[in-house]
Amino acid sequence: MAELFPHGLEGSYFVLDLEVSSKARRLGIGRQLLDVATSKAKEAHCDRICLDVAADNDAVQFYIRMGMHVAVETRIPELADRHGVGTHLHMVLPVRDSAE
């Protein structure tokens, strides 16, 4: 489990689903949603926001632009071979300065 969550689960604020309609993209809505998540994470005294996303999802580039980084890249051969589930990324955004 430590390999899947190298920073530990404590202090992590998980975003389980973040999606903007294709018709509403490039209007700043995704940034606003991530800003709300950041505020909620800070209110909960969390150190980071975490989310999981398919590696081939266009949103990966958005998350990187927002300051997130890939902490873990996972591919499970059996899921890929039997069910077509590709590589997934566990992405992290620090929300607190080390001085806080």
C-alpha atoms as a PDB file:
ATOM      1  CA  MET A   1       0.000   0.000   0.000  1.00  0.00           C
ATOM      2  CA  ALA A   2       2.883   2.380   0.689  1.00  0.00           C
ATOM      3  CA  GLU A   3       3.794   2.275  -3.006  1.00  0.00           C
ATOM      4  CA  LEU A   4       0.317   3.473  -3.987  1.00  0.00           C
ATOM      5  CA  PHE A   5       0.299   6.321  -1.457  1.00  0.00           C
ATOM      6  CA  PRO A   6       3.929   7.391  -0.944  1.00  0.00           C
ATOM      7  CA  HIS A   7       2.915  10.411   1.142  1.00  0.00           C
ATOM      8  CA  GLY A   8       0.505   8.525   3.393  1.00  0.00           C
ATOM      9  CA  LEU A   9      -3.242   8.925   3.569  1.00  0.00           C
ATOM     10  CA  GLU A  10      -3.348  11.204   6.609  1.00  0.00           C
ATOM     11  CA  GLY A  11      -3.383  14.832   5.613  1.00  0.00           C
ATOM     12  CA  SER A  12      -4.746  14.042   2.156  1.00  0.00           C
ATOM     13  CA  TYR A  13      -7.945  15.533   0.729  1.00  0.00           C
ATOM     14  CA  PHE A  14      -9.267  13.266  -2.020  1.00  0.00           C
ATOM     15  CA  VAL A  15     -11.188  14.562  -5.018  1.00  0.00           C
ATOM     16  CA  LEU A  16     -13.210  11.591  -6.185  1.00  0.00           C
ATOM     17  CA  ASP A  17     -14.783  13.138  -9.267  1.00  0.00           C
ATOM     18  CA  LEU A  18     -14.130  16.397 -11.066  1.00  0.00           C
ATOM     19  CA  GLU A  19     -15.685  16.836 -14.471  1.00  0.00           C
ATOM     20  CA  VAL A  20     -16.652  19.782 -16.623  1.00  0.00           C
ATOM     21  CA  SER A  21     -19.042  19.341 -19.538  1.00  0.00           C
ATOM     22  CA  SER A  22     -17.273  19.467 -22.879  1.00  0.00           C
ATOM     23  CA  LYS A  23     -19.495  22.432 -23.821  1.00  0.00           C
ATOM     24  CA  ALA A  24     -18.348  24.372 -20.736  1.00  0.00           C
ATOM     25  CA  ARG A  25     -14.591  23.721 -20.958  1.00  0.00           C
ATOM     26  CA  ARG A  26     -12.064  26.554 -21.241  1.00  0.00           C
ATOM     27  CA  LEU A  27     -14.301  28.866 -19.198  1.00  0.00           C
ATOM     28  CA  GLY A  28     -12.345  28.576 -15.951  1.00  0.00           C
ATOM     29  CA  ILE A  29     -14.835  26.227 -14.295  1.00  0.00           C
ATOM     30  CA  GLY A  30     -12.262  23.492 -13.669  1.00  0.00           C
ATOM     31  CA  ARG A  31      -9.922  25.997 -12.023  1.00  0.00           C
ATOM     32  CA  GLN A  32     -12.807  27.240  -9.851  1.00  0.00           C
ATOM     33  CA  LEU A  33     -13.650  23.688  -8.801  1.00  0.00           C
ATOM     34  CA  LEU A  34     -10.030  22.990  -7.919  1.00  0.00           C
ATOM     35  CA  ASP A  35      -9.880  26.292  -5.999  1.00  0.00           C
ATOM     36  CA  VAL A  36     -12.915  25.195  -3.958  1.00  0.00           C
ATOM     37  CA  ALA A  37     -11.251  21.833  -3.280  1.00  0.00           C
ATOM     38  CA  THR A  38      -8.105  23.676  -2.176  1.00  0.00           C
ATOM     39  CA  SER A  39     -10.119  25.832   0.233  1.00  0.00           C
ATOM     40  CA  LYS A  40     -11.915  22.775   1.622  1.00  0.00           C
ATOM     41  CA  ALA A  41      -8.595  20.929   2.016  1.00  0.00           C
ATOM     42  CA  LYS A  42      -7.092  23.835   3.938  1.00  0.00           C
ATOM     43  CA  GLU A  43     -10.201  24.110   6.147  1.00  0.00           C
ATOM     44  CA  ALA A  44      -9.798  20.400   6.912  1.00  0.00           C
ATOM     45  CA  HIS A  45      -6.104  21.009   7.769  1.00  0.00           C
ATOM     46  CA  CYS A  46      -4.954  18.772   4.938  1.00  0.00           C
ATOM     47  CA  ASP A  47      -1.526  19.067   3.353  1.00  0.00           C
ATOM     48  CA  ARG A  48      -2.415  17.973  -0.149  1.00  0.00           C
ATOM     49  CA  ILE A  49      -5.167  17.292  -2.644  1.00  0.00           C
ATOM     50  CA  CYS A  50      -5.077  13.878  -4.307  1.00  0.00           C
ATOM     51  CA  LEU A  51      -6.955  12.491  -7.258  1.00  0.00           C
ATOM     52  CA  ASP A  52      -6.709   9.576  -9.632  1.00  0.00           C
ATOM     53  CA  VAL A  53      -7.114   9.930 -13.367  1.00  0.00           C
ATOM     54  CA  ALA A  54      -6.635   7.755 -16.440  1.00  0.00           C
ATOM     55  CA  ALA A  55      -3.264   8.546 -17.996  1.00  0.00           C
ATOM     56  CA  ASP A  56      -4.844   9.100 -21.418  1.00  0.00           C
ATOM     57  CA  ASN A  57      -7.423  11.598 -20.090  1.00  0.00           C
ATOM     58  CA  ASP A  58      -7.008  15.111 -21.514  1.00  0.00           C
ATOM     59  CA  ALA A  59      -7.505  16.456 -17.982  1.00  0.00           C
ATOM     60  CA  VAL A  60      -3.993  15.309 -17.020  1.00  0.00           C
ATOM     61  CA  GLN A  61      -2.503  18.364 -18.768  1.00  0.00           C
ATOM     62  CA  PHE A  62      -4.982  20.626 -16.969  1.00  0.00           C
ATOM     63  CA  TYR A  63      -3.993  19.149 -13.592  1.00  0.00           C
ATOM     64  CA  ILE A  64      -0.310  19.659 -14.383  1.00  0.00           C
ATOM     65  CA  ARG A  65      -0.985  23.304 -15.322  1.00  0.00           C
ATOM     66  CA  MET A  66      -2.750  23.690 -11.972  1.00  0.00           C
ATOM     67  CA  GLY A  67       0.421  22.574 -10.176  1.00  0.00           C
ATOM     68  CA  MET A  68      -0.301  18.899  -9.625  1.00  0.00           C
ATOM     69  CA  HIS A  69       2.353  16.255 -10.118  1.00  0.00           C
ATOM     70  CA  VAL A  70       2.209  12.526 -10.734  1.00  0.00           C
ATOM     71  CA  ALA A  71       3.071  10.681  -7.525  1.00  0.00           C
ATOM     72  CA  VAL A  72       2.278   7.163  -8.763  1.00  0.00           C
ATOM     73  CA  GLU A  73       1.643   5.632 -12.174  1.00  0.00           C
ATOM     74  CA  THR A  74      -0.225   2.332 -12.014  1.00  0.00           C
ATOM     75  CA  ARG A  75      -0.947  -0.309 -14.629  1.00  0.00           C
ATOM     76  CA  ILE A  76      -2.460  -3.608 -13.562  1.00  0.00           C
ATOM     77  CA  PRO A  77      -1.798  -6.138 -16.336  1.00  0.00           C
ATOM     78  CA  GLU A  78      -4.828  -8.319 -15.596  1.00  0.00           C
ATOM     79  CA  LEU A  79      -7.206  -5.333 -15.690  1.00  0.00           C
ATOM     80  CA  ALA A  80      -5.546  -4.029 -18.824  1.00  0.00           C
ATOM     81  CA  ASP A  81      -5.586  -7.382 -20.610  1.00  0.00           C
ATOM     82  CA  ARG A  82      -9.051  -8.560 -19.579  1.00  0.00           C
ATOM     83  CA  HIS A  83     -10.961  -5.302 -19.304  1.00  0.00           C
ATOM     84  CA  GLY A  84      -8.999  -2.694 -21.237  1.00  0.00           C
ATOM     85  CA  VAL A  85      -8.304  -0.612 -18.125  1.00  0.00           C
ATOM     86  CA  GLY A  86      -5.220   1.407 -18.947  1.00  0.00           C
ATOM     87  CA  THR A  87      -2.634   3.191 -16.887  1.00  0.00           C
ATOM     88  CA  HIS A  88      -3.869   5.417 -14.069  1.00  0.00           C
ATOM     89  CA  LEU A  89      -2.106   8.310 -12.383  1.00  0.00           C
ATOM     90  CA  HIS A  90      -2.290   9.277  -8.731  1.00  0.00           C
ATOM     91  CA  MET A  91      -1.785  13.050  -8.804  1.00  0.00           C
ATOM     92  CA  VAL A  92      -1.024  15.354  -5.901  1.00  0.00           C
ATOM     93  CA  LEU A  93      -1.276  19.097  -5.298  1.00  0.00           C
ATOM     94  CA  PRO A  94       0.369  20.466  -2.141  1.00  0.00           C
ATOM     95  CA  VAL A  95      -1.934  22.998  -0.448  1.00  0.00           C
ATOM     96  CA  ARG A  96       0.222  24.089   2.471  1.00  0.00           C
ATOM     97  CA  ASP A  97       3.637  25.691   2.550  1.00  0.00           C
ATOM     98  CA  SER A  98       6.193  23.836   4.618  1.00  0.00           C
ATOM     99  CA  ALA A  99       6.280  26.934   6.884  1.00  0.00           C
ATOM    100  CA  GLU A 100       2.579  26.554   7.808  1.00  0.00           C
END
